[in-house]
Protein backbone atom coordinates (compact mmCIF):
# COMPACT_ATOMS: atom_id res chain seq x y z
CA UNK A 1 0.00 0.00 0.00
CA UNK A 2 1.35 3.41 -0.98
CA UNK A 3 1.33 6.16 1.62
CA UNK A 4 1.73 9.91 1.43
CA UNK A 5 5.39 9.30 2.31
CA UNK A 6 5.87 8.16 -1.27
CA UNK A 7 5.52 11.65 -2.73
CA UNK A 8 5.98 15.25 -1.60
CA UNK A 9 7.15 14.78 2.02
CA UNK A 10 10.04 12.51 1.01
CA UNK A 11 10.92 14.80 -1.87
CA UNK A 12 11.02 17.79 0.50
CA UNK A 13 13.26 15.95 2.98
CA UNK A 14 15.56 14.91 0.10
CA UNK A 15 15.59 18.51 -1.15
CA UNK A 16 16.46 19.87 2.30
CA UNK A 17 19.14 17.34 3.21
CA UNK A 18 20.64 17.03 -0.27
CA UNK A 19 20.88 20.77 -0.90
CA UNK A 20 22.48 21.48 2.49
CA UNK A 21 25.15 18.80 2.00
CA UNK A 22 25.76 19.82 -1.61
CA UNK A 23 26.22 23.46 -0.60
CA UNK A 24 28.45 22.58 2.37
CA UNK A 25 30.63 20.38 0.16
CA UNK A 26 31.09 23.15 -2.41
CA UNK A 27 31.91 25.65 0.34
CA UNK A 28 34.72 23.40 1.64
CA UNK A 29 36.48 24.18 -1.66
CA UNK A 30 35.42 27.83 -2.00
CA UNK A 31 36.30 28.84 1.56
CA UNK A 32 39.14 26.49 2.45
CA UNK A 33 40.46 28.49 5.40
CA UNK A 34 37.10 28.88 7.13
CA UNK A 35 35.27 25.67 6.12
CA UNK A 36 37.79 23.35 4.48
CA UNK A 37 41.37 22.51 5.44
CA UNK A 38 41.63 25.45 7.87
CA UNK A 39 38.51 24.35 9.73
CA UNK A 40 39.67 20.73 9.85
CA UNK A 41 43.01 21.87 11.33
CA UNK A 42 41.19 23.97 13.94
CA UNK A 43 38.99 21.09 15.13
CA UNK A 44 41.79 18.54 15.09
CA UNK A 45 40.82 16.27 12.21
CA UNK A 46 43.85 14.15 11.23
CA UNK A 47 45.39 14.74 7.77
CA UNK A 48 43.22 17.83 7.13
CA UNK A 49 44.70 18.49 3.68
CA UNK A 50 43.38 15.07 2.61
CA UNK A 51 40.25 14.78 4.74
CA UNK A 52 38.71 18.19 3.97
CA UNK A 53 38.66 17.69 0.18
CA UNK A 54 37.55 14.07 0.67
CA UNK A 55 34.65 15.12 2.89
CA UNK A 56 33.79 17.92 0.44
CA UNK A 57 33.60 15.48 -2.47
CA UNK A 58 31.50 13.04 -0.42
CA UNK A 59 29.09 15.84 0.53
CA UNK A 60 28.82 17.03 -3.08
CA UNK A 61 28.32 13.57 -4.61
CA UNK A 62 26.00 12.17 -1.95
CA UNK A 63 24.09 15.46 -1.68
CA UNK A 64 23.48 15.36 -5.45
CA UNK A 65 22.42 11.71 -5.25
CA UNK A 66 19.85 12.65 -2.60
CA UNK A 67 18.54 15.51 -4.73
CA UNK A 68 17.93 13.11 -7.61
CA UNK A 69 16.77 10.29 -5.36
CA UNK A 70 19.38 7.97 -6.82
CA UNK A 71 20.87 5.27 -4.56
CA UNK A 72 19.21 7.19 -1.72
CA UNK A 73 19.78 4.73 1.10
CA UNK A 74 23.36 4.12 0.01
CA UNK A 75 24.10 7.87 -0.17
CA UNK A 76 22.73 8.33 3.35
CA UNK A 77 25.40 6.09 4.91
CA UNK A 78 28.52 8.24 4.32
CA UNK A 79 26.57 11.41 5.10
CA UNK A 80 25.43 9.93 8.42
CA UNK A 81 29.03 9.10 9.29
CA UNK A 82 29.95 12.64 8.25
CA UNK A 83 27.36 14.30 10.48
CA UNK A 84 28.17 12.03 13.44
CA UNK A 85 31.85 12.98 13.15
CA UNK A 86 30.84 16.66 12.93
CA UNK A 87 28.78 16.32 16.10
CA UNK A 88 31.54 14.44 17.92
CA UNK A 89 34.29 16.89 16.94
CA UNK A 90 32.43 20.18 17.28
CA UNK A 91 29.25 19.89 19.31
CA UNK A 92 30.36 17.53 22.08
CA UNK A 93 33.38 19.71 22.96
CA UNK A 94 31.08 22.74 22.88
CA UNK A 95 28.69 20.99 25.27
CA UNK A 96 31.54 20.23 27.66
CA UNK A 97 33.09 23.72 27.56
CA UNK A 98 30.22 26.12 26.87
CA UNK A 99 27.14 24.30 28.13
CA UNK A 100 23.98 22.76 26.78
CA UNK A 101 22.21 25.83 25.40
CA UNK A 102 25.18 27.05 23.36
CA UNK A 103 25.62 23.54 21.96
CA UNK A 104 21.88 23.17 21.31
CA UNK A 105 21.85 26.41 19.34
CA UNK A 106 24.90 25.49 17.27
CA UNK A 107 23.75 21.88 16.73
CA UNK A 108 20.33 22.65 15.27
CA UNK A 109 21.41 22.11 11.65
CA UNK A 110 23.41 18.97 12.50
CA UNK A 111 20.44 17.57 14.42
CA UNK A 112 18.05 18.36 11.56
CA UNK A 113 20.38 16.77 9.00
CA UNK A 114 20.82 13.66 11.16
CA UNK A 115 17.05 13.21 11.55
CA UNK A 116 16.53 13.84 7.83
CA UNK A 117 19.16 11.22 6.99
CA UNK A 118 17.54 8.68 9.33
CA UNK A 119 14.17 9.39 7.70
CA UNK A 120 15.58 8.85 4.20
CA UNK A 121 17.32 5.66 5.26
CA UNK A 122 14.03 4.32 6.61
CA UNK A 123 11.73 5.33 3.75
CA UNK A 124 14.08 5.54 0.74
CA UNK A 125 13.83 8.06 -2.07
CA UNK A 126 10.06 8.05 -2.45
CA UNK A 127 7.92 7.97 -5.57
CA UNK A 128 9.46 11.13 -7.06
CA UNK A 129 12.95 9.66 -7.33
CA UNK A 130 15.23 7.99 -9.82
CA UNK A 131 15.30 5.01 -7.43
CA UNK A 132 11.57 4.55 -7.99
CA UNK A 133 11.95 4.90 -11.76
CA UNK A 134 14.69 2.26 -11.73
CA UNK A 135 12.56 -0.04 -9.54
CA UNK A 136 9.51 0.38 -11.79
CA UNK A 137 11.56 -0.22 -14.95
CA UNK A 138 13.11 -3.37 -13.46
CA UNK A 139 9.70 -4.62 -12.29
CA UNK A 140 8.14 -4.01 -15.72
CA UNK A 141 11.05 -5.75 -17.41
CA UNK A 142 10.74 -8.76 -15.10
CA UNK A 143 6.99 -8.95 -15.73
CA UNK A 144 7.46 -8.82 -19.50
CA UNK A 145 10.05 -11.62 -19.33
CA UNK A 146 7.73 -13.65 -17.11
CA UNK A 147 4.82 -13.13 -19.53
CA UNK A 148 6.89 -14.34 -22.51
């Protein structure tokens, strides 16, 4: 049985999560000192000159996959690891040094992205996705072979 989660709501979650990650990935290259290598050095990520571009590429590619609804559940996995590392390296230290409310304010986007990623992992790309088109095409092809 199809539910309303097969259409607009999933598309809107994909649009939100995918566009944020895509934009953040691009910004890691545009603003390397503030958001790329410089930021990774500041927060203590090992091998920042390798990890910042790597994370930027992952965010761009997986963000784009979410926007198109292509390999949605697969694209969610590296982005979930990404956001969990971001929380562990930036928000947990903030909680310990500056308190709950400062951390809660700064973590609102991370929290929203994490919940959006969990939602997409659970429900997939929805009806308005390339995943659904691929599934429908494969199902139709299997039915036509079966009918022959």
